[in-house]
Structures are given as C-alpha cells and as structure tokens.
Amino acid sequence: MRARRKGWLSMVLGLLVFAAIAAWMFLGVRQTAEASGEEGRLLSEQAVRRAAVSCYAVEGAYPESYAYLKEHYGVAVDETRYAVFYEVFASNIMPDITVIQIGGAA
C-alpha cells in the first residue's frame, strides 16, 4: 500500500514539475516573440522615415504618401504585420510617420 502511494505521489510530483517547466518555456517564447515584433516595428518605422528624408534630399519636398515611397524608394514594410500611418502637413515639413503592429503582440 505504501509503495503504491509513493509511486502515485512521485508521478503527481513529476507531472507538476513538467507543467511548471512547460509554462516557463511558453512564457519565454512569448516574451521573445513580443520583443521581436517591437524590434520589427521600430525598424519598419525607421525605414519609412529614412526614405522620406531621402526623398526630401533628392526632390526638395517630402512625398505626399506612403504609396509614393513604396513605388519610388523601395520601402518594404510587412503590411500583414504592421500598419503604416503617414500624415502630411506640408511638403516642406517632415510627415508624421507611425507604424503599429497589427493585432497587438505577436
């Protein structure tokens, strides 16, 4: 009877340890994915900004749209993951450029 009880307790303890390790690994992977998504968002925003500044340097005016940057300056943002907001006030003032991750954290 004691041997049977000891075997059952060790099995439950083993399952609890396994569940704790699995949860810890899941949280680690999730945090890594979130950090990766934020880094990608920042890089995308910087790419759009650099292209707008390049356009200003070459053409003497900021582009009127994000589509113009994609077509003429080769900006490539993964639009399945990120939304690009490009708001122009005037051709000689830096546009307001915001890139957000679609659907929150990855």
N, C-alpha and C. Protein backbone atom coordinates (compact mmCIF):
# COMPACT_ATOMS: atom_id res chain seq x y z
N MET A 1 0.82 -1.18 0.00
CA MET A 1 0.00 0.00 0.00
C MET A 1 0.87 1.26 0.00
N ARG A 2 1.92 1.25 0.82
CA ARG A 2 2.82 2.41 0.87
C ARG A 2 3.57 2.58 -0.45
N ALA A 3 3.98 1.49 -1.04
CA ALA A 3 4.70 1.55 -2.31
C ALA A 3 3.80 2.13 -3.40
N ARG A 4 2.56 1.74 -3.37
CA ARG A 4 1.61 2.24 -4.35
C ARG A 4 1.38 3.75 -4.16
N ARG A 5 1.26 4.18 -2.92
CA ARG A 5 1.06 5.58 -2.60
C ARG A 5 2.29 6.41 -2.99
N LYS A 6 3.46 5.86 -2.71
CA LYS A 6 4.71 6.55 -3.04
C LYS A 6 4.85 6.71 -4.56
N GLY A 7 4.48 5.70 -5.31
CA GLY A 7 4.53 5.77 -6.77
C GLY A 7 3.57 6.81 -7.33
N TRP A 8 2.39 6.88 -6.74
CA TRP A 8 1.39 7.86 -7.16
C TRP A 8 1.87 9.28 -6.87
N LEU A 9 2.43 9.51 -5.68
CA LEU A 9 2.93 10.84 -5.31
C LEU A 9 4.09 11.27 -6.21
N SER A 10 4.98 10.34 -6.51
CA SER A 10 6.10 10.71 -7.38
C SER A 10 5.61 11.02 -8.80
N MET A 11 4.56 10.34 -9.26
CA MET A 11 4.02 10.61 -10.59
C MET A 11 3.37 12.00 -10.60
N VAL A 12 2.60 12.34 -9.57
CA VAL A 12 1.97 13.66 -9.50
C VAL A 12 3.03 14.76 -9.41
N LEU A 13 4.05 14.53 -8.60
CA LEU A 13 5.13 15.49 -8.48
C LEU A 13 5.84 15.69 -9.82
N GLY A 14 6.08 14.61 -10.52
CA GLY A 14 6.71 14.69 -11.85
C GLY A 14 5.87 15.47 -12.83
N LEU A 15 4.54 15.25 -12.81
CA LEU A 15 3.64 15.99 -13.69
C LEU A 15 3.62 17.48 -13.36
N LEU A 16 3.65 17.80 -12.06
CA LEU A 16 3.68 19.20 -11.65
C LEU A 16 4.96 19.89 -12.10
N VAL A 17 6.09 19.21 -11.96
CA VAL A 17 7.37 19.77 -12.40
C VAL A 17 7.35 19.96 -13.92
N PHE A 18 6.84 18.98 -14.64
CA PHE A 18 6.75 19.08 -16.10
C PHE A 18 5.87 20.26 -16.50
N ALA A 19 4.70 20.43 -15.84
CA ALA A 19 3.79 21.54 -16.16
C ALA A 19 4.45 22.89 -15.87
N ALA A 20 5.19 22.97 -14.77
CA ALA A 20 5.87 24.22 -14.43
C ALA A 20 6.93 24.57 -15.47
N ILE A 21 7.70 23.59 -15.90
CA ILE A 21 8.74 23.83 -16.91
C ILE A 21 8.10 24.21 -18.24
N ALA A 22 7.01 23.55 -18.62
CA ALA A 22 6.33 23.87 -19.88
C ALA A 22 5.78 25.29 -19.84
N ALA A 23 5.19 25.70 -18.72
CA ALA A 23 4.67 27.06 -18.59
C ALA A 23 5.80 28.08 -18.67
N TRP A 24 6.90 27.81 -18.02
CA TRP A 24 8.06 28.70 -18.05
C TRP A 24 8.59 28.86 -19.47
N MET A 25 8.68 27.76 -20.21
CA MET A 25 9.16 27.82 -21.59
C MET A 25 8.17 28.59 -22.48
N PHE A 26 6.88 28.37 -22.28
CA PHE A 26 5.87 29.07 -23.06
C PHE A 26 5.98 30.58 -22.85
N LEU A 27 6.13 31.01 -21.61
CA LEU A 27 6.26 32.43 -21.31
C LEU A 27 7.53 33.01 -21.93
N GLY A 28 8.61 32.26 -21.92
CA GLY A 28 9.85 32.72 -22.53
C GLY A 28 9.72 32.92 -24.03
N VAL A 29 9.07 31.97 -24.69
CA VAL A 29 8.86 32.08 -26.14
C VAL A 29 7.96 33.27 -26.45
N ARG A 30 6.94 33.46 -25.64
CA ARG A 30 6.02 34.57 -25.85
C ARG A 30 6.72 35.92 -25.68
N GLN A 31 7.55 36.05 -24.67
CA GLN A 31 8.28 37.31 -24.46
C GLN A 31 9.25 37.57 -25.60
N THR A 32 9.88 36.53 -26.10
CA THR A 32 10.81 36.68 -27.22
C THR A 32 10.07 37.14 -28.47
N ALA A 33 8.90 36.58 -28.71
CA ALA A 33 8.10 36.97 -29.87
C ALA A 33 7.66 38.42 -29.76
N GLU A 34 7.27 38.85 -28.56
CA GLU A 34 6.86 40.24 -28.36
C GLU A 34 8.02 41.19 -28.61
N ALA A 35 9.20 40.84 -28.11
CA ALA A 35 10.38 41.69 -28.31
C ALA A 35 10.74 41.75 -29.80
N SER A 36 10.62 40.64 -30.49
CA SER A 36 10.91 40.58 -31.91
C SER A 36 9.94 41.45 -32.70
N GLY A 37 8.67 41.40 -32.33
CA GLY A 37 7.66 42.22 -33.01
C GLY A 37 7.91 43.70 -32.82
N GLU A 38 8.29 44.10 -31.63
CA GLU A 38 8.58 45.51 -31.35
C GLU A 38 9.82 45.97 -32.12
N GLU A 39 10.82 45.13 -32.20
CA GLU A 39 12.03 45.48 -32.95
C GLU A 39 11.70 45.64 -34.43
N GLY A 40 10.89 44.74 -34.96
CA GLY A 40 10.47 44.85 -36.36
C GLY A 40 9.68 46.11 -36.62
N ARG A 41 8.82 46.48 -35.67
CA ARG A 41 8.04 47.70 -35.81
C ARG A 41 8.95 48.93 -35.86
N LEU A 42 9.93 48.97 -34.95
CA LEU A 42 10.86 50.10 -34.92
C LEU A 42 11.68 50.19 -36.20
N LEU A 43 12.16 49.05 -36.68
CA LEU A 43 12.94 49.04 -37.92
C LEU A 43 12.10 49.50 -39.12
N SER A 44 10.85 49.08 -39.15
CA SER A 44 9.96 49.48 -40.24
C SER A 44 9.72 50.99 -40.21
N GLU A 45 9.48 51.52 -39.01
CA GLU A 45 9.25 52.96 -38.89
C GLU A 45 10.49 53.75 -39.31
N GLN A 46 11.66 53.27 -38.91
CA GLN A 46 12.91 53.94 -39.30
C GLN A 46 13.11 53.90 -40.81
N ALA A 47 12.75 52.78 -41.44
CA ALA A 47 12.91 52.66 -42.89
C ALA A 47 12.03 53.66 -43.62
N VAL A 48 10.80 53.82 -43.17
CA VAL A 48 9.90 54.78 -43.81
C VAL A 48 10.43 56.20 -43.61
N ARG A 49 10.90 56.50 -42.41
CA ARG A 49 11.46 57.83 -42.11
C ARG A 49 12.67 58.13 -42.99
N ARG A 50 13.59 57.16 -43.10
CA ARG A 50 14.79 57.36 -43.93
C ARG A 50 14.42 57.60 -45.38
N ALA A 51 13.44 56.85 -45.88
CA ALA A 51 13.02 57.04 -47.27
C ALA A 51 12.40 58.42 -47.47
N ALA A 52 11.64 58.89 -46.50
CA ALA A 52 11.03 60.23 -46.62
C ALA A 52 12.12 61.30 -46.64
N VAL A 53 13.12 61.16 -45.78
CA VAL A 53 14.22 62.12 -45.75
C VAL A 53 15.02 62.06 -47.05
N SER A 54 15.25 60.86 -47.56
CA SER A 54 15.95 60.72 -48.85
C SER A 54 15.18 61.41 -49.96
N CYS A 55 13.88 61.22 -49.96
CA CYS A 55 13.03 61.87 -50.97
C CYS A 55 13.16 63.38 -50.86
N TYR A 56 13.15 63.90 -49.66
CA TYR A 56 13.28 65.35 -49.45
C TYR A 56 14.62 65.85 -49.97
N ALA A 57 15.67 65.08 -49.70
CA ALA A 57 17.01 65.47 -50.15
C ALA A 57 17.13 65.46 -51.67
N VAL A 58 16.50 64.48 -52.31
CA VAL A 58 16.61 64.34 -53.76
C VAL A 58 15.65 65.27 -54.50
N GLU A 59 14.39 65.32 -54.02
CA GLU A 59 13.35 66.02 -54.77
C GLU A 59 12.99 67.40 -54.21
N GLY A 60 13.48 67.71 -53.01
CA GLY A 60 13.20 69.02 -52.43
C GLY A 60 11.86 69.12 -51.72
N ALA A 61 11.16 68.02 -51.58
CA ALA A 61 9.87 68.01 -50.88
C ALA A 61 9.64 66.60 -50.32
N TYR A 62 8.93 66.56 -49.22
CA TYR A 62 8.57 65.24 -48.67
C TYR A 62 7.48 64.63 -49.55
N PRO A 63 7.47 63.32 -49.68
CA PRO A 63 6.46 62.69 -50.55
C PRO A 63 5.05 62.87 -49.99
N GLU A 64 4.09 62.87 -50.89
CA GLU A 64 2.71 63.11 -50.49
C GLU A 64 2.04 61.88 -49.87
N SER A 65 2.64 60.70 -50.05
CA SER A 65 2.02 59.50 -49.49
C SER A 65 3.05 58.39 -49.26
N TYR A 66 2.63 57.46 -48.44
CA TYR A 66 3.45 56.26 -48.20
C TYR A 66 3.56 55.43 -49.48
N ALA A 67 2.49 55.42 -50.27
CA ALA A 67 2.49 54.67 -51.53
C ALA A 67 3.59 55.20 -52.47
N TYR A 68 3.81 56.51 -52.47
CA TYR A 68 4.86 57.09 -53.29
C TYR A 68 6.23 56.58 -52.85
N LEU A 69 6.43 56.48 -51.54
CA LEU A 69 7.71 55.96 -51.02
C LEU A 69 7.90 54.50 -51.43
N LYS A 70 6.85 53.71 -51.37
CA LYS A 70 6.95 52.30 -51.77
C LYS A 70 7.31 52.20 -53.25
N GLU A 71 6.65 52.99 -54.06
CA GLU A 71 6.85 52.90 -55.51
C GLU A 71 8.20 53.44 -55.97
N HIS A 72 8.62 54.59 -55.43
CA HIS A 72 9.82 55.26 -55.93
C HIS A 72 11.08 55.04 -55.09
N TYR A 73 10.92 54.64 -53.84
CA TYR A 73 12.10 54.50 -52.97
C TYR A 73 12.25 53.09 -52.39
N GLY A 74 11.41 52.17 -52.81
CA GLY A 74 11.56 50.77 -52.45
C GLY A 74 11.37 50.42 -50.98
N VAL A 75 10.56 51.21 -50.28
CA VAL A 75 10.30 50.89 -48.87
C VAL A 75 9.49 49.60 -48.82
N ALA A 76 9.93 48.67 -48.00
CA ALA A 76 9.24 47.38 -47.89
C ALA A 76 8.91 47.10 -46.43
N VAL A 77 7.66 47.35 -46.06
CA VAL A 77 7.18 47.06 -44.72
C VAL A 77 6.21 45.88 -44.84
N ASP A 78 6.35 44.91 -43.96
CA ASP A 78 5.44 43.76 -43.96
C ASP A 78 4.06 44.23 -43.51
N GLU A 79 3.20 44.52 -44.48
CA GLU A 79 1.90 45.09 -44.17
C GLU A 79 0.90 44.06 -43.65
N THR A 80 1.31 42.81 -43.57
CA THR A 80 0.46 41.82 -42.90
C THR A 80 0.68 41.88 -41.39
N ARG A 81 1.82 42.43 -40.97
CA ARG A 81 2.14 42.53 -39.54
C ARG A 81 2.05 43.95 -39.00
N TYR A 82 2.27 44.95 -39.88
CA TYR A 82 2.35 46.34 -39.42
C TYR A 82 1.46 47.24 -40.27
N ALA A 83 0.86 48.24 -39.62
CA ALA A 83 0.09 49.27 -40.31
C ALA A 83 0.92 50.55 -40.30
N VAL A 84 1.01 51.19 -41.45
CA VAL A 84 1.79 52.42 -41.58
C VAL A 84 0.83 53.60 -41.71
N PHE A 85 1.01 54.57 -40.81
CA PHE A 85 0.23 55.81 -40.86
C PHE A 85 1.18 56.93 -41.26
N TYR A 86 0.87 57.57 -42.35
CA TYR A 86 1.73 58.59 -42.94
C TYR A 86 0.87 59.83 -43.16
N GLU A 87 1.08 60.84 -42.33
CA GLU A 87 0.26 62.05 -42.41
C GLU A 87 1.13 63.24 -42.80
N VAL A 88 0.74 63.89 -43.90
CA VAL A 88 1.48 65.02 -44.43
C VAL A 88 0.78 66.33 -44.04
N PHE A 89 1.55 67.27 -43.57
CA PHE A 89 1.02 68.61 -43.27
C PHE A 89 1.37 69.57 -44.41
N ALA A 90 2.64 69.57 -44.80
CA ALA A 90 3.11 70.41 -45.90
C ALA A 90 4.32 69.72 -46.53
N SER A 91 4.62 70.07 -47.76
CA SER A 91 5.71 69.39 -48.47
C SER A 91 7.09 69.70 -47.89
N ASN A 92 7.19 70.77 -47.09
CA ASN A 92 8.49 71.11 -46.52
C ASN A 92 8.59 70.79 -45.02
N ILE A 93 7.60 70.10 -44.49
CA ILE A 93 7.60 69.69 -43.08
C ILE A 93 7.56 68.18 -43.00
N MET A 94 8.43 67.62 -42.17
CA MET A 94 8.51 66.16 -42.03
C MET A 94 7.14 65.59 -41.70
N PRO A 95 6.69 64.60 -42.45
CA PRO A 95 5.40 63.98 -42.17
C PRO A 95 5.40 63.26 -40.82
N ASP A 96 4.22 63.09 -40.27
CA ASP A 96 4.06 62.31 -39.05
C ASP A 96 3.98 60.85 -39.48
N ILE A 97 4.97 60.06 -39.09
CA ILE A 97 5.05 58.66 -39.50
C ILE A 97 4.92 57.78 -38.27
N THR A 98 3.93 56.90 -38.30
CA THR A 98 3.71 55.96 -37.20
C THR A 98 3.51 54.57 -37.78
N VAL A 99 4.18 53.59 -37.22
CA VAL A 99 4.00 52.19 -37.60
C VAL A 99 3.55 51.45 -36.35
N ILE A 100 2.43 50.73 -36.47
CA ILE A 100 1.95 49.95 -35.34
C ILE A 100 1.83 48.49 -35.75
N GLN A 101 1.94 47.63 -34.77
CA GLN A 101 1.81 46.20 -35.02
C GLN A 101 0.33 45.84 -35.07
N ILE A 102 -0.06 45.12 -36.11
CA ILE A 102 -1.44 44.72 -36.27
C ILE A 102 -1.75 43.57 -35.31
N GLY A 103 -2.85 43.69 -34.60
CA GLY A 103 -3.26 42.62 -33.69
C GLY A 103 -2.50 42.58 -32.40
N GLY A 104 -1.82 43.65 -32.02
CA GLY A 104 -1.08 43.68 -30.76
C GLY A 104 0.19 42.87 -30.84
N ALA A 105 0.55 42.24 -29.73
CA ALA A 105 1.80 41.47 -29.65
C ALA A 105 1.71 40.22 -30.48
N ALA A 106 2.84 39.80 -31.01
CA ALA A 106 2.89 38.59 -31.83
C ALA A 106 2.73 37.35 -31.01
